[in-house]
Protein backbone atom coordinates (compact mmCIF):
# COMPACT_ATOMS: atom_id res chain seq x y z
CA MET A 1 0.00 0.00 0.00
CA ASN A 2 1.36 3.40 -0.84
CA ILE A 3 2.15 5.63 2.11
CA SER A 4 -0.44 8.31 1.30
CA LYS A 5 -3.27 5.74 1.31
CA LYS A 6 -1.99 4.27 4.59
CA ILE A 7 -1.91 7.72 6.18
CA GLU A 8 -5.42 8.43 4.87
CA VAL A 9 -6.77 5.18 6.36
CA GLU A 10 -5.07 5.82 9.70
CA LYS A 11 -6.48 9.36 9.83
CA LEU A 12 -9.95 8.04 9.03
CA HIS A 13 -9.67 5.43 11.76
CA HIS A 14 -8.77 8.16 14.24
CA ASP A 15 -11.32 10.75 13.06
CA ARG A 16 -14.25 8.53 11.97
CA SER A 17 -13.99 5.13 13.65
CA GLU A 18 -17.65 4.42 12.81
CA LEU A 19 -16.57 3.92 9.19
CA PHE A 20 -14.88 0.67 10.24
CA ASP A 21 -18.11 -0.99 11.42
CA LYS A 22 -20.14 -3.82 9.91
CA ASP A 23 -22.87 -1.50 8.60
CA VAL A 24 -20.53 0.35 6.22
CA LEU A 25 -19.91 -0.29 2.52
CA HIS A 26 -16.68 1.00 1.01
CA ILE A 27 -16.92 1.34 -2.76
CA LEU A 28 -13.38 1.29 -4.08
CA ASN A 29 -12.24 2.73 -7.39
CA GLY A 30 -11.18 -0.58 -8.91
CA GLN A 31 -10.23 -4.21 -8.52
CA VAL A 32 -6.65 -3.62 -7.33
CA MET A 33 -7.73 -1.27 -4.55
CA TYR A 34 -10.56 -3.66 -3.64
CA GLU A 35 -8.16 -6.60 -3.31
CA GLU A 36 -5.79 -4.56 -1.14
CA PHE A 37 -8.51 -3.28 1.19
CA LYS A 38 -10.31 -6.62 1.44
CA ASN A 39 -7.24 -8.82 1.87
CA ASN A 40 -5.77 -6.52 4.52
CA ARG A 41 -9.13 -5.67 6.15
CA LEU A 42 -8.08 -2.03 6.05
CA MET A 43 -11.51 -0.79 7.08
CA GLY A 44 -12.15 -3.41 9.75
CA ASP A 45 -15.45 -5.28 9.63
CA SER A 46 -16.89 -3.20 6.78
CA ASP A 47 -18.01 -4.56 3.43
CA TYR A 48 -16.05 -3.73 0.28
CA ALA A 49 -17.01 -3.51 -3.37
CA PRO A 50 -14.95 -2.57 -6.42
CA PHE A 51 -16.39 -0.10 -8.87
CA ASN A 52 -14.55 -1.47 -11.85
CA GLU A 53 -15.35 1.44 -14.12
CA ALA A 54 -15.55 4.94 -12.86
CA MET A 55 -17.80 6.37 -15.60
CA CYS A 56 -15.09 8.87 -16.52
CA VAL A 57 -15.46 8.23 -20.24
CA ASN A 58 -18.21 7.11 -22.64
CA ALA A 59 -21.90 7.84 -22.66
CA THR A 60 -24.41 7.11 -19.93
CA ASN A 61 -28.04 7.86 -19.15
CA ASP A 62 -30.00 9.36 -16.26
CA GLN A 63 -31.18 6.10 -14.68
CA ILE A 64 -27.98 4.46 -13.47
CA PHE A 65 -27.77 0.67 -13.38
CA ASP A 66 -30.95 0.06 -15.38
CA LYS A 67 -30.94 -2.07 -18.54
CA GLU A 68 -30.36 0.90 -20.87
CA PHE A 69 -27.51 2.16 -18.70
CA ILE A 70 -25.83 -1.25 -18.78
CA ASN A 71 -26.22 -1.53 -22.55
CA ILE A 72 -24.79 1.97 -23.11
CA ARG A 73 -21.85 1.45 -20.77
CA ALA A 74 -21.02 -2.00 -22.14
CA ALA A 75 -21.08 -0.69 -25.73
CA GLY A 76 -18.87 2.25 -24.78
CA HIS A 77 -16.27 -0.13 -23.42
CA HIS A 78 -16.64 -2.55 -26.35
CA GLU A 79 -17.67 -5.19 -23.84
CA PRO A 80 -20.48 -7.74 -24.13
CA VAL A 81 -23.35 -6.93 -21.77
CA GLU A 82 -22.75 -10.17 -19.87
CA GLY A 83 -19.08 -9.28 -19.36
CA TYR A 84 -19.97 -5.79 -18.19
CA ILE A 85 -22.50 -7.19 -15.71
CA GLU A 86 -19.92 -9.67 -14.41
CA LYS A 87 -17.17 -7.03 -14.01
CA VAL A 88 -19.17 -4.02 -12.84
CA ILE A 89 -22.70 -4.84 -11.70
CA ALA A 90 -22.27 -8.19 -9.91
CA PRO A 91 -19.51 -6.93 -7.55
CA LEU A 92 -21.92 -4.18 -6.44
CA ALA A 93 -24.55 -6.69 -5.23
CA ASN A 94 -24.32 -5.51 -1.61
CA LEU A 95 -25.05 -1.94 -2.72
CA PHE A 96 -28.31 -3.11 -4.25
CA ASN A 97 -29.28 -5.74 -1.67
CA LYS A 98 -28.17 -4.56 1.78
CA GLU A 99 -28.86 -1.54 3.95
CA TYR A 100 -25.88 0.42 5.25
CA GLU A 101 -25.45 3.19 7.78
CA TYR A 102 -22.68 4.64 5.60
CA ILE A 103 -21.47 4.21 2.04
CA VAL A 104 -17.94 5.53 1.51
CA LEU A 105 -16.66 6.25 -2.00
CA TRP A 106 -12.94 5.84 -2.59
CA PHE A 107 -12.37 7.69 -5.85
CA GLY A 108 -9.45 9.95 -6.68
CA GLU A 109 -9.96 13.52 -7.74
CA THR A 110 -9.09 12.64 -11.34
CA CYS A 111 -12.46 10.89 -11.63
CA PHE A 112 -14.23 14.20 -11.22
CA VAL A 113 -12.09 16.58 -13.27
CA LYS A 114 -13.29 17.62 -16.71
């Protein structure tokens, strides 16, 4: 883990210890970050999910995660719908199926810059 991420996690643990509880979902910016957080239990007893495409490029629609959204996003990535569902939608199952006190997004600032 790079030192800046480690410092960020330690600061969070000190400042917001409730984010390390069982009723928290951490949505991580990709598979590598997900594996690191999950394997090392960096956020304690929380749940983790990778968001394996940050919607930084390609078209989308207003109703996220519906059938049209999935078709548009898969086409934009030149990915079969089934592959897109497997890589992006399936790992987010807890987001759709469980209730959480907190949902924490772990996305870098580059995901939000035009």
